[in-house]
Structure formats: structure tokens, C-alpha cells
């Protein structure tokens, strides 16, 4: 009985992947990777990029920008609080 439920779960998951177009998307990406004349040294990064994820360089740039904007935000908050009249 456990075997049947396990097989049924696998089939349900396969149908889920098929219906949500995950299989199609992964197939396209893998075909693109296969057809690359020069295979990338980091195939996982290739797949992430093909699926729309940020590259490691993009991620680092976004982290740096985030840190800079947070610091600027804190400086502006301090500037506003320094200019506010004292509470009476």
C-alpha cells in the first residue's frame, strides 16, 4: 500500500510540474545549454540566468547598493531628527 501511495505522489508531482510549465521551462534551458558552442564553466549560473535570476555580479551590486541606500536613509533620518523642534 505504501508503494502505491508513493507512486501516486510521484505521478501527482509530475502532473503538477507539467501543468505549471516547469518541465517546459527546464527543457528549454537545458536544450540551450546543450546547444552552447562553448560550454559555460558554471552551468548552474547559466541556468539561473536563463531562468531570469540575477548573476552573482548583479547580486553583489544590489547588495552594495542596498547597503549604501540604508546608510543614506539613516543619515537623512538623523538630519531630520536634528532639525525637529524640541517637544514641549
PDB file of N, CA and C in Angstrom:
ATOM      1  N   UNK A   1       0.828  -1.194   0.000  1.00  0.00           N
ATOM      2  CA  UNK A   1       0.000   0.000   0.000  1.00  0.00           C
ATOM      3  C   UNK A   1       0.871   1.255   0.000  1.00  0.00           C
ATOM      4  N   UNK A   2       1.952   1.221   0.736  1.00  0.00           N
ATOM      5  CA  UNK A   2       2.870   2.353   0.775  1.00  0.00           C
ATOM      6  C   UNK A   2       3.459   2.613  -0.608  1.00  0.00           C
ATOM      7  N   UNK A   3       3.711   1.533  -1.337  1.00  0.00           N
ATOM      8  CA  UNK A   3       4.273   1.656  -2.678  1.00  0.00           C
ATOM      9  C   UNK A   3       3.314   2.409  -3.589  1.00  0.00           C
ATOM     10  N   UNK A   4       2.051   2.096  -3.525  1.00  0.00           N
ATOM     11  CA  UNK A   4       1.068   2.754  -4.381  1.00  0.00           C
ATOM     12  C   UNK A   4       0.948   4.234  -4.036  1.00  0.00           C
ATOM     13  N   UNK A   5       0.934   4.546  -2.769  1.00  0.00           N
ATOM     14  CA  UNK A   5       0.804   5.952  -2.399  1.00  0.00           C
ATOM     15  C   UNK A   5       2.049   6.734  -2.819  1.00  0.00           C
ATOM     16  N   UNK A   6       3.200   6.094  -2.742  1.00  0.00           N
ATOM     17  CA  UNK A   6       4.432   6.740  -3.179  1.00  0.00           C
ATOM     18  C   UNK A   6       4.401   6.989  -4.683  1.00  0.00           C
ATOM     19  N   UNK A   7       3.962   6.007  -5.427  1.00  0.00           N
ATOM     20  CA  UNK A   7       3.852   6.158  -6.883  1.00  0.00           C
ATOM     21  C   UNK A   7       2.809   7.209  -7.239  1.00  0.00           C
ATOM     22  N   UNK A   8       1.721   7.238  -6.507  1.00  0.00           N
ATOM     23  CA  UNK A   8       0.675   8.232  -6.764  1.00  0.00           C
ATOM     24  C   UNK A   8       1.197   9.637  -6.481  1.00  0.00           C
ATOM     25  N   UNK A   9       1.981   9.775  -5.422  1.00  0.00           N
ATOM     26  CA  UNK A   9       2.563  11.080  -5.098  1.00  0.00           C
ATOM     27  C   UNK A   9       3.512  11.533  -6.200  1.00  0.00           C
ATOM     28  N   UNK A  10       4.313  10.606  -6.696  1.00  0.00           N
ATOM     29  CA  UNK A  10       5.241  10.940  -7.778  1.00  0.00           C
ATOM     30  C   UNK A  10       4.476  11.375  -9.022  1.00  0.00           C
ATOM     31  N   UNK A  11       3.417  10.663  -9.333  1.00  0.00           N
ATOM     32  CA  UNK A  11       2.615  10.993 -10.510  1.00  0.00           C
ATOM     33  C   UNK A  11       1.933  12.350 -10.335  1.00  0.00           C
ATOM     34  N   UNK A  12       1.413  12.614  -9.151  1.00  0.00           N
ATOM     35  CA  UNK A  12       0.793  13.919  -8.882  1.00  0.00           C
ATOM     36  C   UNK A  12       1.813  15.045  -9.032  1.00  0.00           C
ATOM     37  N   UNK A  13       3.008  14.814  -8.535  1.00  0.00           N
ATOM     38  CA  UNK A  13       4.054  15.833  -8.637  1.00  0.00           C
ATOM     39  C   UNK A  13       4.454  16.046 -10.090  1.00  0.00           C
ATOM     40  N   UNK A  14       4.574  14.969 -10.845  1.00  0.00           N
ATOM     41  CA  UNK A  14       4.914  15.071 -12.261  1.00  0.00           C
ATOM     42  C   UNK A  14       3.849  15.874 -13.001  1.00  0.00           C
ATOM     43  N   UNK A  15       2.586  15.601 -12.707  1.00  0.00           N
ATOM     44  CA  UNK A  15       1.493  16.345 -13.341  1.00  0.00           C
ATOM     45  C   UNK A  15       1.543  17.822 -12.954  1.00  0.00           C
ATOM     46  N   UNK A  16       1.848  18.078 -11.694  1.00  0.00           N
ATOM     47  CA  UNK A  16       1.976  19.461 -11.220  1.00  0.00           C
ATOM     48  C   UNK A  16       3.067  20.193 -12.007  1.00  0.00           C
ATOM     49  N   UNK A  17       4.230  19.559 -12.146  1.00  0.00           N
ATOM     50  CA  UNK A  17       5.332  20.175 -12.888  1.00  0.00           C
ATOM     51  C   UNK A  17       4.958  20.388 -14.352  1.00  0.00           C
ATOM     52  N   UNK A  18       4.262  19.443 -14.906  1.00  0.00           N
ATOM     53  CA  UNK A  18       3.856  19.553 -16.307  1.00  0.00           C
ATOM     54  C   UNK A  18       2.813  20.653 -16.487  1.00  0.00           C
ATOM     55  N   UNK A  19       1.820  20.683 -15.634  1.00  0.00           N
ATOM     56  CA  UNK A  19       0.747  21.679 -15.752  1.00  0.00           C
ATOM     57  C   UNK A  19       1.236  23.100 -15.488  1.00  0.00           C
ATOM     58  N   UNK A  20       2.228  23.245 -14.645  1.00  0.00           N
ATOM     59  CA  UNK A  20       2.735  24.583 -14.328  1.00  0.00           C
ATOM     60  C   UNK A  20       3.861  25.014 -15.268  1.00  0.00           C
ATOM     61  N   UNK A  21       4.105  24.222 -16.295  1.00  0.00           N
ATOM     62  CA  UNK A  21       5.089  24.534 -17.347  1.00  0.00           C
ATOM     63  C   UNK A  21       6.537  24.517 -16.855  1.00  0.00           C
ATOM     64  N   UNK A  22       6.773  23.927 -15.700  1.00  0.00           N
ATOM     65  CA  UNK A  22       8.141  23.839 -15.185  1.00  0.00           C
ATOM     66  C   UNK A  22       8.978  22.933 -16.079  1.00  0.00           C
ATOM     67  N   UNK A  23       8.407  21.830 -16.483  1.00  0.00           N
ATOM     68  CA  UNK A  23       9.146  20.889 -17.330  1.00  0.00           C
ATOM     69  C   UNK A  23       9.527  21.558 -18.648  1.00  0.00           C
ATOM     70  N   UNK A  24       8.597  22.311 -19.232  1.00  0.00           N
ATOM     71  CA  UNK A  24       8.898  23.009 -20.487  1.00  0.00           C
ATOM     72  C   UNK A  24      10.035  24.011 -20.304  1.00  0.00           C
ATOM     73  N   UNK A  25       9.973  24.788 -19.231  1.00  0.00           N
ATOM     74  CA  UNK A  25      10.997  25.805 -18.989  1.00  0.00           C
ATOM     75  C   UNK A  25      12.367  25.161 -18.782  1.00  0.00           C
ATOM     76  N   UNK A  26      12.409  24.114 -17.983  1.00  0.00           N
ATOM     77  CA  UNK A  26      13.690  23.442 -17.734  1.00  0.00           C
ATOM     78  C   UNK A  26      14.220  22.776 -18.999  1.00  0.00           C
ATOM     79  N   UNK A  27      13.330  22.213 -19.781  1.00  0.00           N
ATOM     80  CA  UNK A  27      13.754  21.579 -21.031  1.00  0.00           C
ATOM     81  C   UNK A  27      14.374  22.608 -21.965  1.00  0.00           C
ATOM     82  N   UNK A  28      13.740  23.769 -22.086  1.00  0.00           N
ATOM     83  CA  UNK A  28      14.278  24.820 -22.956  1.00  0.00           C
ATOM     84  C   UNK A  28      15.659  25.266 -22.488  1.00  0.00           C
ATOM     85  N   UNK A  29      15.806  25.446 -21.192  1.00  0.00           N
ATOM     86  CA  UNK A  29      17.094  25.884 -20.654  1.00  0.00           C
ATOM     87  C   UNK A  29      18.162  24.822 -20.897  1.00  0.00           C
ATOM     88  N   UNK A  30      17.816  23.578 -20.663  1.00  0.00           N
ATOM     89  CA  UNK A  30      18.795  22.507 -20.866  1.00  0.00           C
ATOM     90  C   UNK A  30      19.151  22.338 -22.345  1.00  0.00           C
ATOM     91  N   UNK A  31      18.188  22.536 -23.221  1.00  0.00           N
ATOM     92  CA  UNK A  31      18.480  22.488 -24.656  1.00  0.00           C
ATOM     93  C   UNK A  31      19.423  23.633 -25.022  1.00  0.00           C
ATOM     94  N   UNK A  32      19.155  24.826 -24.487  1.00  0.00           N
ATOM     95  CA  UNK A  32      20.049  25.959 -24.750  1.00  0.00           C
ATOM     96  C   UNK A  32      21.463  25.674 -24.251  1.00  0.00           C
ATOM     97  N   UNK A  33      21.565  25.080 -23.091  1.00  0.00           N
ATOM     98  CA  UNK A  33      22.877  24.724 -22.547  1.00  0.00           C
ATOM     99  C   UNK A  33      23.557  23.695 -23.446  1.00  0.00           C
ATOM    100  N   UNK A  34      22.810  22.720 -23.895  1.00  0.00           N
ATOM    101  CA  UNK A  34      23.345  21.683 -24.780  1.00  0.00           C
ATOM    102  C   UNK A  34      23.841  22.286 -26.091  1.00  0.00           C
ATOM    103  N   UNK A  35      23.110  23.274 -26.594  1.00  0.00           N
ATOM    104  CA  UNK A  35      23.447  23.868 -27.886  1.00  0.00           C
ATOM    105  C   UNK A  35      24.519  24.951 -27.802  1.00  0.00           C
ATOM    106  N   UNK A  36      24.937  25.307 -26.605  1.00  0.00           N
ATOM    107  CA  UNK A  36      26.006  26.298 -26.454  1.00  0.00           C
ATOM    108  C   UNK A  36      27.282  25.759 -27.098  1.00  0.00           C
ATOM    109  N   UNK A  37      27.882  26.524 -28.012  1.00  0.00           N
ATOM    110  CA  UNK A  37      29.115  26.040 -28.644  1.00  0.00           C
ATOM    111  C   UNK A  37      30.254  25.883 -27.630  1.00  0.00           C
ATOM    112  N   UNK A  38      30.354  26.847 -26.723  1.00  0.00           N
ATOM    113  CA  UNK A  38      31.355  26.743 -25.661  1.00  0.00           C
ATOM    114  C   UNK A  38      30.606  26.590 -24.346  1.00  0.00           C
ATOM    115  N   UNK A  39      30.761  25.453 -23.751  1.00  0.00           N
ATOM    116  CA  UNK A  39      30.035  25.169 -22.514  1.00  0.00           C
ATOM    117  C   UNK A  39      30.513  26.108 -21.408  1.00  0.00           C
ATOM    118  N   UNK A  40      29.573  26.692 -20.661  1.00  0.00           N
ATOM    119  CA  UNK A  40      29.963  27.599 -19.575  1.00  0.00           C
ATOM    120  C   UNK A  40      30.684  26.844 -18.460  1.00  0.00           C
ATOM    121  N   UNK A  41      31.608  27.539 -17.823  1.00  0.00           N
ATOM    122  CA  UNK A  41      32.352  26.907 -16.732  1.00  0.00           C
ATOM    123  C   UNK A  41      31.486  26.742 -15.484  1.00  0.00           C
ATOM    124  N   UNK A  42      30.421  27.538 -15.403  1.00  0.00           N
ATOM    125  CA  UNK A  42      29.489  27.450 -14.273  1.00  0.00           C
ATOM    126  C   UNK A  42      28.078  27.230 -14.815  1.00  0.00           C
ATOM    127  N   UNK A  43      27.735  25.986 -15.111  1.00  0.00           N
ATOM    128  CA  UNK A  43      26.429  25.724 -15.720  1.00  0.00           C
ATOM    129  C   UNK A  43      25.246  26.110 -14.833  1.00  0.00           C
ATOM    130  N   UNK A  44      25.409  26.042 -13.535  1.00  0.00           N
ATOM    131  CA  UNK A  44      24.302  26.428 -12.648  1.00  0.00           C
ATOM    132  C   UNK A  44      24.007  27.919 -12.808  1.00  0.00           C
ATOM    133  N   UNK A  45      25.050  28.733 -12.914  1.00  0.00           N
ATOM    134  CA  UNK A  45      24.846  30.168 -13.141  1.00  0.00           C
ATOM    135  C   UNK A  45      24.172  30.409 -14.489  1.00  0.00           C
ATOM    136  N   UNK A  46      24.557  29.630 -15.489  1.00  0.00           N
ATOM    137  CA  UNK A  46      23.925  29.725 -16.809  1.00  0.00           C
ATOM    138  C   UNK A  46      22.428  29.443 -16.692  1.00  0.00           C
ATOM    139  N   UNK A  47      22.088  28.398 -15.963  1.00  0.00           N
ATOM    140  CA  UNK A  47      20.683  28.015 -15.801  1.00  0.00           C
ATOM    141  C   UNK A  47      19.926  29.084 -15.023  1.00  0.00           C
ATOM    142  N   UNK A  48      20.526  29.588 -13.953  1.00  0.00           N
ATOM    143  CA  UNK A  48      19.879  30.652 -13.174  1.00  0.00           C
ATOM    144  C   UNK A  48      19.606  31.871 -14.048  1.00  0.00           C
ATOM    145  N   UNK A  49      20.606  32.257 -14.830  1.00  0.00           N
ATOM    146  CA  UNK A  49      20.453  33.430 -15.689  1.00  0.00           C
ATOM    147  C   UNK A  49      19.375  33.181 -16.741  1.00  0.00           C
ATOM    148  N   UNK A  50      19.367  31.992 -17.311  1.00  0.00           N
ATOM    149  CA  UNK A  50      18.375  31.661 -18.337  1.00  0.00           C
ATOM    150  C   UNK A  50      16.959  31.669 -17.764  1.00  0.00           C
ATOM    151  N   UNK A  51      16.836  31.339 -16.497  1.00  0.00           N
ATOM    152  CA  UNK A  51      15.522  31.338 -15.853  1.00  0.00           C
ATOM    153  C   UNK A  51      15.156  32.710 -15.291  1.00  0.00           C
ATOM    154  N   UNK A  52      16.057  33.677 -15.433  1.00  0.00           N
ATOM    155  CA  UNK A  52      15.743  35.038 -15.022  1.00  0.00           C
ATOM    156  C   UNK A  52      16.324  35.467 -13.694  1.00  0.00           C
ATOM    157  N   UNK A  53      17.172  34.670 -13.114  1.00  0.00           N
ATOM    158  CA  UNK A  53      17.777  35.039 -11.840  1.00  0.00           C
ATOM    159  C   UNK A  53      18.955  35.974 -12.033  1.00  0.00           C
ATOM    160  N   UNK A  54      19.308  36.714 -10.989  1.00  0.00           N
ATOM    161  CA  UNK A  54      20.448  37.622 -11.105  1.00  0.00           C
ATOM    162  C   UNK A  54      21.767  36.849 -11.133  1.00  0.00           C
ATOM    163  N   UNK A  55      22.730  37.400 -11.822  1.00  0.00           N
ATOM    164  CA  UNK A  55      24.057  36.794 -11.827  1.00  0.00           C
ATOM    165  C   UNK A  55      24.730  37.116 -10.496  1.00  0.00           C
ATOM    166  N   UNK A  56      25.791  36.404 -10.155  1.00  0.00           N
ATOM    167  CA  UNK A  56      26.495  36.733  -8.904  1.00  0.00           C
ATOM    168  C   UNK A  56      26.966  38.191  -8.867  1.00  0.00           C
ATOM    169  N   UNK A  57      27.409  38.716 -10.001  1.00  0.00           N
ATOM    170  CA  UNK A  57      27.851  40.120 -10.037  1.00  0.00           C
ATOM    171  C   UNK A  57      26.673  41.058  -9.796  1.00  0.00           C
ATOM    172  N   UNK A  58      25.526  40.746 -10.399  1.00  0.00           N
ATOM    173  CA  UNK A  58      24.329  41.563 -10.170  1.00  0.00           C
ATOM    174  C   UNK A  58      23.936  41.526  -8.695  1.00  0.00           C
ATOM    175  N   UNK A  59      24.011  40.345  -8.111  1.00  0.00           N
ATOM    176  CA  UNK A  59      23.640  40.182  -6.712  1.00  0.00           C
ATOM    177  C   UNK A  59      24.550  41.016  -5.816  1.00  0.00           C
ATOM    178  N   UNK A  60      25.847  40.971  -6.075  1.00  0.00           N
ATOM    179  CA  UNK A  60      26.795  41.753  -5.279  1.00  0.00           C
ATOM    180  C   UNK A  60      26.550  43.246  -5.453  1.00  0.00           C
ATOM    181  N   UNK A  61      26.263  43.663  -6.674  1.00  0.00           N
ATOM    182  CA  UNK A  61      25.988  45.083  -6.927  1.00  0.00           C
ATOM    183  C   UNK A  61      24.724  45.523  -6.187  1.00  0.00           C
ATOM    184  N   UNK A  62      23.714  44.676  -6.188  1.00  0.00           N
ATOM    185  CA  UNK A  62      22.479  45.006  -5.473  1.00  0.00           C
ATOM    186  C   UNK A  62      22.708  45.074  -3.967  1.00  0.00           C
ATOM    187  N   UNK A  63      23.533  44.187  -3.446  1.00  0.00           N
ATOM    188  CA  UNK A  63      23.845  44.228  -2.016  1.00  0.00           C
ATOM    189  C   UNK A  63      24.584  45.517  -1.664  1.00  0.00           C
ATOM    190  N   UNK A  64      25.535  45.912  -2.499  1.00  0.00           N
ATOM    191  CA  UNK A  64      26.284  47.146  -2.242  1.00  0.00           C
ATOM    192  C   UNK A  64      25.361  48.355  -2.314  1.00  0.00           C
ATOM    193  N   UNK A  65      24.485  48.374  -3.305  1.00  0.00           N
ATOM    194  CA  UNK A  65      23.538  49.484  -3.430  1.00  0.00           C
ATOM    195  C   UNK A  65      22.604  49.532  -2.227  1.00  0.00           C
ATOM    196  N   UNK A  66      22.161  48.381  -1.781  1.00  0.00           N
ATOM    197  CA  UNK A  66      21.279  48.311  -0.620  1.00  0.00           C
ATOM    198  C   UNK A  66      21.976  48.877   0.616  1.00  0.00           C
ATOM    199  N   UNK A  67      23.224  48.499   0.834  1.00  0.00           N
ATOM    200  CA  UNK A  67      23.972  48.999   1.990  1.00  0.00           C
ATOM    201  C   UNK A  67      24.141  50.515   1.908  1.00  0.00           C
ATOM    202  N   UNK A  68      24.442  51.013   0.720  1.00  0.00           N
ATOM    203  CA  UNK A  68      24.628  52.453   0.535  1.00  0.00           C
ATOM    204  C   UNK A  68      23.318  53.199   0.793  1.00  0.00           C
ATOM    205  N   UNK A  69      22.220  52.667   0.293  1.00  0.00           N
ATOM    206  CA  UNK A  69      20.927  53.323   0.489  1.00  0.00           C
ATOM    207  C   UNK A  69      20.488  53.282   1.955  1.00  0.00           C
ATOM    208  N   UNK A  70      20.799  52.203   2.639  1.00  0.00           N
ATOM    209  CA  UNK A  70      20.470  52.127   4.070  1.00  0.00           C
ATOM    210  C   UNK A  70      21.249  53.182   4.862  1.00  0.00           C
ATOM    211  N   UNK A  71      22.527  53.336   4.535  1.00  0.00           N
ATOM    212  CA  UNK A  71      23.346  54.340   5.218  1.00  0.00           C
ATOM    213  C   UNK A  71      22.816  55.741   4.926  1.00  0.00           C
ATOM    214  N   UNK A  72      22.459  55.987   3.684  1.00  0.00           N
ATOM    215  CA  UNK A  72      21.906  57.292   3.307  1.00  0.00           C
ATOM    216  C   UNK A  72      20.586  57.546   4.032  1.00  0.00           C
ATOM    217  N   UNK A  73      19.767  56.527   4.140  1.00  0.00           N
ATOM    218  CA  UNK A  73      18.489  56.644   4.838  1.00  0.00           C
ATOM    219  C   UNK A  73      18.709  57.001   6.312  1.00  0.00           C
ATOM    220  N   UNK A  74      19.650  56.341   6.944  1.00  0.00           N
ATOM    221  CA  UNK A  74      19.940  56.631   8.355  1.00  0.00           C
ATOM    222  C   UNK A  74      20.449  58.063   8.515  1.00  0.00           C
ATOM    223  N   UNK A  75      21.301  58.504   7.597  1.00  0.00           N
ATOM    224  CA  UNK A  75      21.822  59.872   7.668  1.00  0.00           C
ATOM    225  C   UNK A  75      20.689  60.886   7.513  1.00  0.00           C
ATOM    226  N   UNK A  76      19.766  60.616   6.619  1.00  0.00           N
ATOM    227  CA  UNK A  76      18.637  61.528   6.418  1.00  0.00           C
ATOM    228  C   UNK A  76      17.708  61.537   7.635  1.00  0.00           C
ATOM    229  N   UNK A  77      17.500  60.381   8.238  1.00  0.00           N
ATOM    230  CA  UNK A  77      16.675  60.321   9.451  1.00  0.00           C
ATOM    231  C   UNK A  77      17.309  61.147  10.566  1.00  0.00           C
ATOM    232  N   UNK A  78      18.629  61.027  10.703  1.00  0.00           N
ATOM    233  CA  UNK A  78      19.331  61.788  11.736  1.00  0.00           C
ATOM    234  C   UNK A  78      19.225  63.281  11.448  1.00  0.00           C
ATOM    235  N   UNK A  79      19.375  63.648  10.202  1.00  0.00           N
ATOM    236  CA  UNK A  79      19.283  65.060   9.812  1.00  0.00           C
ATOM    237  C   UNK A  79      17.901  65.622  10.140  1.00  0.00           C
ATOM    238  N   UNK A  80      16.872  64.843   9.870  1.00  0.00           N
ATOM    239  CA  UNK A  80      15.503  65.288  10.173  1.00  0.00           C
ATOM    240  C   UNK A  80      15.308  65.420  11.678  1.00  0.00           C
ATOM    241  N   UNK A  81      15.791  64.437  12.418  1.00  0.00           N
ATOM    242  CA  UNK A  81      15.601  64.498  13.875  1.00  0.00           C
ATOM    243  C   UNK A  81      16.395  65.649  14.490  1.00  0.00           C
ATOM    244  N   UNK A  82      17.534  65.992  13.904  1.00  0.00           N
ATOM    245  CA  UNK A  82      18.330  67.119  14.404  1.00  0.00           C
ATOM    246  C   UNK A  82      17.641  68.453  14.125  1.00  0.00           C
ATOM    247  N   UNK A  83      16.849  68.522  13.070  1.00  0.00           N
ATOM    248  CA  UNK A  83      16.181  69.764  12.699  1.00  0.00           C
ATOM    249  C   UNK A  83      14.817  69.921  13.358  1.00  0.00           C
ATOM    250  N   UNK A  84      14.290  68.864  13.910  1.00  0.00           N
ATOM    251  CA  UNK A  84      12.958  68.933  14.525  1.00  0.00           C
ATOM    252  C   UNK A  84      13.022  69.788  15.787  1.00  0.00           C
ATOM    253  N   UNK A  85      12.003  70.625  15.996  1.00  0.00           N
ATOM    254  CA  UNK A  85      11.992  71.432  17.225  1.00  0.00           C
ATOM    255  C   UNK A  85      11.802  70.525  18.442  1.00  0.00           C
ATOM    256  N   UNK A  86      12.352  70.920  19.561  1.00  0.00           N
ATOM    257  CA  UNK A  86      12.200  70.089  20.761  1.00  0.00           C
ATOM    258  C   UNK A  86      10.727  69.976  21.165  1.00  0.00           C
ATOM    259  N   UNK A  87      10.368  68.832  21.678  1.00  0.00           N
ATOM    260  CA  UNK A  87       8.984  68.605  22.119  1.00  0.00           C
ATOM    261  C   UNK A  87       8.700  69.451  23.345  1.00  0.00           C
ATOM    262  N   UNK A  88       7.505  70.032  23.395  1.00  0.00           N
ATOM    263  CA  UNK A  88       7.159  70.906  24.527  1.00  0.00           C
ATOM    264  C   UNK A  88       6.251  70.230  25.491  1.00  0.00           C
TER     265      UNK A  88
END
